[in-house]
Protein backbone atom coordinates (compact mmCIF):
# COMPACT_ATOMS: atom_id res chain seq x y z
CA MET A 1 45.17 94.92 107.20
CA LEU A 2 47.97 94.73 104.84
CA THR A 3 51.54 95.15 106.22
CA THR A 4 54.82 95.79 104.11
CA LEU A 5 57.48 93.56 105.35
CA LYS A 6 61.05 93.26 104.21
CA MET A 7 63.73 90.80 104.98
CA ALA A 8 65.57 91.72 107.93
CA SER A 9 69.08 90.51 109.38
CA MET A 10 69.79 90.81 113.31
CA LEU A 11 73.03 92.45 114.24
CA SER A 12 74.47 93.00 117.53
CA LEU A 13 75.41 96.63 118.05
CA THR A 14 77.16 98.59 120.81
CA PRO A 15 76.88 102.02 119.28
CA CYS A 16 74.15 103.32 116.63
CA ASN A 17 76.55 103.61 113.71
CA PRO A 18 75.15 104.79 110.63
CA GLN A 19 78.04 103.47 108.51
CA VAL A 20 76.65 99.96 109.28
CA ALA A 21 72.83 100.08 109.52
CA ARG A 22 71.41 101.99 106.83
CA ARG A 23 68.18 102.31 108.43
CA ILE A 24 67.50 101.64 112.11
CA ASP A 25 64.09 102.04 113.99
CA SER A 26 64.55 105.39 115.42
CA GLU A 27 63.06 103.93 118.87
CA LYS A 28 65.92 101.26 119.01
CA CYS A 29 68.46 103.72 118.74
CA VAL A 30 67.59 106.49 121.01
CA GLY A 31 69.54 106.09 124.36
CA LEU A 32 71.37 103.17 123.23
CA LYS A 33 73.56 102.44 126.26
CA THR A 34 73.83 98.63 126.19
CA ARG A 35 74.36 95.77 123.71
CA LYS A 36 70.94 95.31 121.90
CA LEU A 37 69.67 94.04 118.73
CA ALA A 38 68.53 96.19 116.01
CA VAL A 39 66.57 95.35 112.89
CA ILE A 40 68.25 96.47 109.46
CA ARG A 41 66.37 96.90 106.63
CA ALA A 42 68.37 97.15 103.19
CA SER A 43 66.81 99.71 101.08
CA SER A 44 67.65 97.53 98.19
CA GLU A 45 65.71 94.56 98.96
CA GLN A 46 62.12 93.88 97.46
CA GLU A 47 58.98 94.32 99.17
CA THR A 48 56.47 91.65 99.57
CA SER A 49 52.64 92.10 100.51
CA VAL A 50 51.49 89.42 103.09
CA GLU A 51 47.92 89.58 104.74
CA SER A 52 48.18 89.91 108.33
CA LYS A 53 44.86 88.62 110.49
CA GLY A 54 46.40 89.75 113.71
CA LEU A 55 45.96 86.09 115.20
CA SER A 56 48.22 84.82 118.17
CA ILE A 57 50.87 82.32 118.04
CA GLU A 58 48.31 79.77 119.81
CA GLU A 59 45.74 80.37 117.05
CA CYS A 60 48.24 80.04 114.29
CA GLU A 61 49.47 76.76 115.90
CA ALA A 62 45.98 75.47 116.15
CA ASN A 63 45.26 76.36 112.72
CA ALA A 64 48.41 74.69 111.44
CA VAL A 65 47.14 71.29 113.70
CA ALA A 66 43.68 71.27 112.00
CA GLY A 67 45.52 72.15 108.39
CA ASN A 68 43.96 75.47 108.11
CA PHE A 69 46.84 77.29 106.49
CA PRO A 70 47.22 79.26 103.02
CA ASP A 71 48.68 77.39 100.37
CA PRO A 72 52.32 78.40 99.57
CA PRO A 73 53.23 79.74 96.36
CA LEU A 74 53.10 76.89 93.54
CA LEU A 75 56.73 75.98 92.42
CA THR A 76 56.91 75.98 88.52
CA LYS A 77 59.34 74.21 86.50
CA PRO A 78 60.55 76.59 83.46
CA ALA A 79 60.16 75.26 80.27
CA GLY A 80 62.37 74.70 77.48
CA PRO A 81 62.36 76.51 74.27
CA LYS A 82 59.79 75.30 71.63
CA GLY A 83 60.87 72.12 69.97
CA THR A 84 62.71 70.77 73.19
CA PRO A 85 62.40 66.89 72.67
CA VAL A 86 60.28 65.02 75.35
CA VAL A 87 62.73 62.37 76.71
CA LYS A 88 62.72 59.97 79.52
CA PRO A 89 65.34 61.39 82.41
CA LEU A 90 68.41 59.52 82.31
CA VAL A 91 69.03 57.23 85.07
CA LEU A 92 72.36 58.70 86.70
CA THR A 93 73.81 57.99 90.06
CA ARG A 94 75.68 61.09 90.25
CA ARG A 95 74.98 64.39 88.71
CA PRO A 96 77.85 66.70 89.28
CA ARG A 97 75.94 69.51 87.68
CA ARG A 98 73.82 69.59 90.96
CA ASN A 99 76.62 71.31 92.95
CA ARG A 100 77.05 73.88 90.41
CA LYS A 101 73.51 74.88 89.88
CA SER A 102 73.85 78.51 91.40
CA SER A 103 76.69 81.01 92.45
CA THR A 104 75.87 79.97 96.31
CA LEU A 105 76.69 76.50 95.90
CA ARG A 106 79.81 77.05 93.51
CA SER A 107 81.32 79.04 96.23
CA THR A 108 80.40 76.49 99.08
CA PHE A 109 82.18 73.65 97.03
CA GLN A 110 85.05 76.01 95.91
CA GLU A 111 88.32 73.94 96.56
CA THR A 112 91.06 76.44 95.95
CA THR A 113 91.01 79.87 97.21
CA ILE A 114 93.71 82.76 96.60
CA SER A 115 94.36 85.73 98.74
CA ALA A 116 97.00 88.83 98.71
CA ALA A 117 98.81 86.60 101.54
CA ASN A 118 99.89 84.27 98.59
CA PHE A 119 101.86 86.93 96.56
CA VAL A 120 105.08 87.91 96.75
CA LEU A 121 105.70 91.20 94.45
CA PRO A 122 108.86 91.21 92.50
CA LEU A 123 110.36 94.73 92.06
CA PHE A 124 113.24 95.81 89.97
CA ILE A 125 115.32 98.79 91.59
CA HIS A 126 118.22 100.87 90.22
CA GLU A 127 120.47 103.67 91.55
CA GLY A 128 118.61 106.46 89.96
CA GLU A 129 115.96 108.63 91.40
CA GLU A 130 113.41 108.47 88.60
CA ASP A 131 111.23 105.18 87.70
CA PHE A 132 111.73 103.89 84.45
CA PRO A 133 109.12 101.87 82.57
CA ILE A 134 110.16 98.51 81.22
CA GLY A 135 108.99 98.48 77.72
CA ALA A 136 108.27 94.50 77.60
CA MET A 137 106.38 94.64 80.62
CA PRO A 138 103.70 97.09 80.68
CA GLY A 139 103.02 98.51 84.23
CA CYS A 140 106.43 97.42 85.53
CA PHE A 141 109.17 99.87 86.33
CA ARG A 142 112.70 99.96 87.19
CA LEU A 143 112.29 101.92 90.71
CA GLY A 144 114.53 104.42 92.16
CA TRP A 145 115.66 102.89 95.41
CA ARG A 146 114.97 105.83 97.59
CA HIS A 147 111.79 107.04 96.29
CA GLY A 148 109.61 104.84 94.02
CA LEU A 149 110.47 101.67 95.94
CA LEU A 150 108.83 103.09 98.82
CA ASP A 151 106.14 104.35 97.01
CA GLU A 152 105.26 101.09 95.30
CA VAL A 153 105.55 98.80 98.39
CA TYR A 154 103.08 101.41 100.16
CA LYS A 155 100.56 101.03 97.26
CA ALA A 156 101.08 97.20 97.68
CA LYS A 157 100.50 96.89 101.38
CA ASP A 158 97.50 99.08 101.19
CA VAL A 159 95.80 96.08 99.15
CA GLY A 160 97.35 93.46 101.38
CA VAL A 161 100.34 92.48 99.64
CA LYS A 162 103.13 92.55 102.20
CA SER A 163 105.87 90.27 100.64
CA PHE A 164 108.53 91.58 98.03
CA VAL A 165 111.51 90.20 96.26
CA LEU A 166 114.11 92.80 95.08
CA PHE A 167 115.86 92.46 91.84
CA PRO A 168 118.83 95.15 91.02
CA LYS A 169 119.90 96.72 88.02
CA ILE A 170 123.47 97.25 88.44
CA PRO A 171 125.82 99.85 86.96
CA ASP A 172 128.15 98.26 84.18
CA ALA A 173 130.91 99.79 86.21
CA LEU A 174 130.32 97.65 89.14
CA LYS A 175 130.30 94.29 87.22
CA SER A 176 133.37 91.72 87.05
CA PRO A 177 134.00 88.43 86.27
CA THR A 178 133.79 87.25 89.90
CA GLY A 179 130.29 89.36 90.87
CA ASP A 180 131.99 90.63 93.87
CA GLU A 181 129.61 93.63 94.26
CA ALA A 182 127.07 91.06 95.17
CA PHE A 183 128.47 91.01 98.54
CA ASN A 184 128.96 94.64 99.06
CA ASP A 185 127.37 95.48 102.46
CA ASN A 186 126.51 99.08 101.01
CA GLY A 187 125.61 97.90 97.66
CA LEU A 188 122.20 98.64 96.09
CA VAL A 189 120.27 95.85 97.67
CA PRO A 190 121.54 96.01 101.25
CA ARG A 191 120.55 99.70 100.91
CA ALA A 192 117.40 98.91 99.64
CA ILE A 193 116.48 96.15 102.44
CA ARG A 194 117.70 98.53 105.35
CA LEU A 195 115.40 101.50 104.08
CA LEU A 196 112.60 99.55 103.59
CA LYS A 197 112.93 97.41 106.99
CA ASP A 198 113.11 101.03 108.73
CA LYS A 199 109.87 102.41 107.08
CA TYR A 200 107.81 99.15 106.64
CA PRO A 201 109.11 96.60 109.33
CA ASP A 202 106.22 94.25 108.88
CA ILE A 203 106.87 93.09 105.42
CA VAL A 204 108.52 90.17 104.52
CA ILE A 205 111.72 90.65 102.13
CA TYR A 206 112.77 88.01 99.86
CA THR A 207 116.33 88.48 97.89
CA ASP A 208 117.78 87.02 94.69
CA VAL A 209 120.84 85.05 95.40
CA ALA A 210 122.76 84.95 91.95
CA LEU A 211 125.60 86.50 90.32
CA ASP A 212 124.08 87.25 86.97
CA PRO A 213 123.09 91.15 87.75
CA TYR A 214 126.53 91.66 88.87
CA SER A 215 128.55 89.60 86.65
CA SER A 216 130.30 91.33 83.50
CA ASP A 217 129.44 87.85 81.67
CA GLY A 218 125.84 87.78 82.33
CA HIS A 219 125.74 84.27 83.98
CA ASP A 220 124.75 83.05 87.31
CA GLY A 221 128.10 81.92 88.16
CA ILE A 222 131.83 82.48 87.77
CA VAL A 223 132.90 81.68 83.84
CA ARG A 224 136.02 79.61 83.29
CA GLU A 225 137.82 80.65 80.41
CA ASP A 226 136.69 77.67 78.18
CA GLY A 227 133.17 78.85 78.67
CA VAL A 228 132.19 76.65 81.77
CA ILE A 229 130.25 77.93 84.48
CA MET A 230 132.36 76.87 87.73
CA ASN A 231 130.38 75.32 90.68
CA ASP A 232 131.95 75.46 94.05
CA GLU A 233 133.79 78.78 93.31
CA THR A 234 130.23 80.28 92.47
CA VAL A 235 128.92 78.74 95.71
CA HIS A 236 131.72 80.55 97.66
CA GLN A 237 130.70 83.78 96.29
CA LEU A 238 126.90 82.97 96.82
CA CYS A 239 127.64 82.22 100.65
CA LYS A 240 129.07 85.48 101.16
CA GLN A 241 126.07 87.30 99.18
CA ALA A 242 123.18 85.45 101.38
CA VAL A 243 125.08 86.61 104.42
CA SER A 244 125.53 90.19 103.21
CA GLN A 245 121.81 90.38 102.38
CA ALA A 246 120.91 88.81 105.70
CA ARG A 247 122.89 91.10 107.65
CA ALA A 248 121.16 93.78 105.84
CA GLY A 249 117.69 92.38 107.28
CA ALA A 250 116.70 90.01 104.63
CA ASP A 251 113.78 87.70 105.70
CA ILE A 252 114.14 85.08 103.18
CA VAL A 253 117.28 84.60 100.55
CA SER A 254 116.72 82.92 97.53
CA PRO A 255 119.27 81.22 95.51
CA SER A 256 118.36 81.25 91.64
CA ASP A 257 121.45 79.99 90.35
CA MET A 258 121.21 76.44 90.39
CA MET A 259 124.73 75.42 91.17
CA ASP A 260 124.82 72.00 92.88
CA GLY A 261 125.13 71.97 96.76
CA ARG A 262 124.43 75.78 97.19
CA ILE A 263 121.64 75.35 99.67
CA GLY A 264 123.79 73.40 102.18
CA ALA A 265 126.54 75.94 101.85
CA ILE A 266 124.39 78.94 102.27
CA ARG A 267 122.69 77.31 105.45
CA ALA A 268 125.79 76.57 106.94
CA ALA A 269 127.20 80.21 106.32
CA LEU A 270 124.15 81.71 107.53
CA ASP A 271 124.16 80.23 110.78
CA VAL A 272 127.88 80.22 111.48
CA GLU A 273 127.05 83.89 110.98
CA GLY A 274 123.95 83.75 113.55
CA PHE A 275 121.16 84.23 110.92
CA GLN A 276 119.51 80.61 111.99
CA ASP A 277 116.22 82.55 111.35
CA VAL A 278 116.73 83.58 107.98
CA SER A 279 114.97 81.13 105.54
CA ILE A 280 116.06 79.75 102.12
CA MET A 281 113.80 79.35 99.46
CA SER A 282 115.34 77.50 96.72
CA TYR A 283 114.89 77.70 93.07
CA THR A 284 114.60 74.26 92.95
CA ALA A 285 113.15 73.43 89.46
CA LYS A 286 114.48 76.38 87.36
CA TYR A 287 113.91 75.67 83.63
CA ALA A 288 116.15 77.04 81.18
CA SER A 289 112.98 78.63 79.49
CA SER A 290 112.21 81.08 76.90
CA PHE A 291 109.88 82.93 78.98
CA TYR A 292 112.58 84.98 80.97
CA GLY A 293 113.00 87.39 77.94
CA PRO A 294 111.31 90.31 79.42
CA PHE A 295 112.91 90.06 82.80
CA ARG A 296 116.47 90.20 81.18
CA GLU A 297 115.76 93.17 79.65
CA ALA A 298 114.61 94.81 82.78
CA LEU A 299 117.83 93.97 84.52
CA ASP A 300 120.00 94.00 81.27
CA SER A 301 121.34 90.76 82.39
CA ASN A 302 121.46 88.65 79.27
CA PRO A 303 124.44 86.28 79.14
CA ARG A 304 127.13 87.73 76.98
CA PHE A 305 127.67 84.64 75.14
CA GLY A 306 126.11 80.92 75.19
CA ASP A 307 122.93 80.15 77.15
CA LYS A 308 122.34 78.53 80.61
CA LYS A 309 121.47 74.88 80.00
CA THR A 310 124.46 73.73 81.70
CA TYR A 311 122.79 74.76 85.05
CA GLN A 312 119.24 75.38 84.64
CA MET A 313 116.99 72.42 83.88
CA ASP A 314 115.80 71.18 80.77
CA PRO A 315 112.04 71.92 79.81
CA ALA A 316 111.72 68.26 78.75
CA ASN A 317 112.73 66.77 81.89
CA TYR A 318 110.08 66.03 84.65
CA ARG A 319 111.70 63.41 87.06
CA GLU A 320 115.00 65.35 87.33
CA ALA A 321 112.91 67.66 89.39
CA LEU A 322 112.70 65.15 92.04
CA ILE A 323 116.60 64.90 92.17
CA GLU A 324 116.52 68.58 92.65
CA MET A 325 113.92 68.69 95.46
CA GLU A 326 115.33 65.70 97.41
CA ALA A 327 118.79 67.34 97.38
CA ASP A 328 117.22 70.63 98.49
CA ASP A 329 115.23 68.97 101.16
CA ALA A 330 118.27 67.29 102.50
CA GLU A 331 120.22 70.50 102.63
CA GLY A 332 117.96 72.55 104.58
CA ALA A 333 115.43 74.45 102.10
CA ASP A 334 112.58 75.86 103.65
CA ILE A 335 110.83 76.82 100.55
CA LEU A 336 110.97 74.88 97.08
CA LEU A 337 110.23 77.00 93.95
CA VAL A 338 109.16 76.28 90.55
CA LYS A 339 109.95 78.66 87.51
CA PRO A 340 108.28 79.13 85.29
CA GLY A 341 104.76 78.92 86.52
CA LEU A 342 102.06 78.20 84.09
CA PRO A 343 103.91 75.80 81.59
CA TYR A 344 105.31 73.84 84.53
CA LEU A 345 101.83 72.92 86.47
CA ASP A 346 102.73 69.48 86.41
CA ILE A 347 106.14 70.11 88.34
CA ILE A 348 104.26 72.33 90.89
CA ARG A 349 102.08 69.42 91.63
CA LEU A 350 104.92 66.79 91.57
CA LEU A 351 106.89 68.87 93.93
CA ARG A 352 103.58 69.11 96.21
CA ASP A 353 102.77 65.39 96.14
CA ASN A 354 106.26 64.59 97.17
CA SER A 355 107.40 67.08 99.81
CA SER A 356 105.71 68.59 102.82
CA LEU A 357 107.68 71.81 102.32
CA PRO A 358 105.89 75.00 101.13
CA ILE A 359 105.86 75.33 97.48
CA ALA A 360 106.45 78.80 95.21
CA ALA A 361 105.72 79.18 92.10
CA TYR A 362 107.04 82.26 90.06
CA GLN A 363 104.72 83.53 87.22
CA VAL A 364 107.67 85.04 85.22
CA SER A 365 107.59 87.79 82.94
CA GLY A 366 106.98 86.25 79.67
CA GLU A 367 103.72 84.72 81.12
CA TYR A 368 103.02 88.31 82.36
CA SER A 369 103.54 90.19 79.28
CA MET A 370 101.66 87.68 77.18
CA ILE A 371 98.59 88.37 79.27
CA LYS A 372 99.02 91.96 79.14
CA ALA A 373 99.40 92.17 75.52
CA GLY A 374 96.38 89.69 75.25
CA GLY A 375 94.54 92.25 77.02
CA VAL A 376 95.75 95.21 75.29
CA LEU A 377 94.64 93.61 71.98
CA LYS A 378 91.13 92.61 73.27
CA MET A 379 92.08 89.23 72.49
CA VAL A 380 91.20 88.15 76.26
CA ASP A 381 89.79 89.87 79.32
CA GLU A 382 93.09 90.73 81.13
CA GLU A 383 91.55 90.80 84.59
CA LYS A 384 89.61 87.29 84.13
CA VAL A 385 92.71 85.78 82.44
CA MET A 386 94.91 87.14 85.15
CA MET A 387 93.04 85.86 88.06
CA GLU A 388 92.35 82.37 86.45
CA SER A 389 96.19 81.92 85.90
CA LEU A 390 96.78 82.63 89.53
CA LEU A 391 94.10 80.52 90.79
CA CYS A 392 95.50 77.70 88.56
CA LEU A 393 98.83 78.02 90.17
CA ARG A 394 97.12 77.60 93.76
CA ARG A 395 95.21 74.58 92.46
CA ALA A 396 98.55 72.82 91.30
CA GLY A 397 99.89 73.29 94.70
CA ALA A 398 101.69 76.61 94.93
CA ASP A 399 101.60 78.35 98.56
CA ILE A 400 103.52 81.23 97.43
CA ILE A 401 103.10 82.87 94.09
CA LEU A 402 105.61 85.25 92.91
CA THR A 403 103.87 87.41 90.27
CA TYR A 404 103.97 90.69 88.82
CA PHE A 405 100.69 91.15 89.13
CA ALA A 406 100.17 91.00 92.88
CA ARG A 407 99.27 94.33 93.36
CA GLN A 408 96.72 94.48 90.40
CA ALA A 409 95.48 90.94 91.58
CA ALA A 410 95.18 92.01 95.54
CA THR A 411 92.94 95.23 94.28
CA VAL A 412 90.57 92.82 92.46
CA LEU A 413 90.13 90.71 95.47
CA ALA A 414 89.62 93.46 97.52
CA GLY A 415 86.69 94.57 95.30
CA MET A 416 88.50 97.88 94.08
CA LYS A 417 89.30 98.83 90.66
């Protein structure tokens, strides 16, 4: 007699759930009250015909001992194309391709993984009610803080992204040379934090600590009349800004200004005000990069004169990152960040190898926009390049990735379109 067999899995079920089991023998499901094993048969699996002789286990074992069993199917080695040379196999102790020969093995030996938990989604907010697209950053918007912001966070949470960093577009009328709006407890960022924490108490909110969105000069610090960025006076303002953000409910404050000594000063200011549990993510190695252009368009925060090379790091420098890392570590930083991301994978690895603190990488606006542009022009596969770029940041040593792709990438990881 020929019996049709299908590969079966054993699943422990308490109810008979048609969403879990596509086809379960009806007699297994009737009156199911206790924990039983059910055979699940997937309709898409191939059928095989095996001749059954109705032998008992004892008879089968006796036949096996006597060597009376059918020959298994022959294993044939696929042939190469016509003209393939016949060669003597190389004598190799190691053949690394052996561990790459199937998707199952490749998954087994994969060294780096990525998930939505690794992502922090940067969000641009403004005082208006409407959301405005950012021309240089397709898919990104200046979000109205009362409506669009909540909607975007909801959508990101739905695919597993639960960490966000806020960047404000401040009205010009509120900007000043000393950036006092940065520590207004009723300012845009504190209001947005309170709203988000009320609506979504389980999310993690990062904030940006720097004066450039609030400065009429567009710099990260107070500008002296001769054009010099004043360090200690700026740090004083940053401490008040960080405390204001913590008071609103921020979980992690993120000084991006690159002033000397600001991590220790902010840590002390937070502690004095009772915010010992608020973390500091320091922009440890923030380079004076040309990859920031689209971001500055989004916030209208370009310097009104000069550049930021006297406080941000020189892209040519490598060892200098260790100096910044050691200072931030000693002053009490909880997370060390490298910005930009992909062009500075060596710096991410340098910090990873020399610090036990979590390492963050910022995949900045220029990186995002280039991938988007390449995808639109069909020069690259946007989704594949996006995922590869994020995986590379993880491989280099980043525990956290700030990326505008966060929601899109999390959707891919969730198997959704």
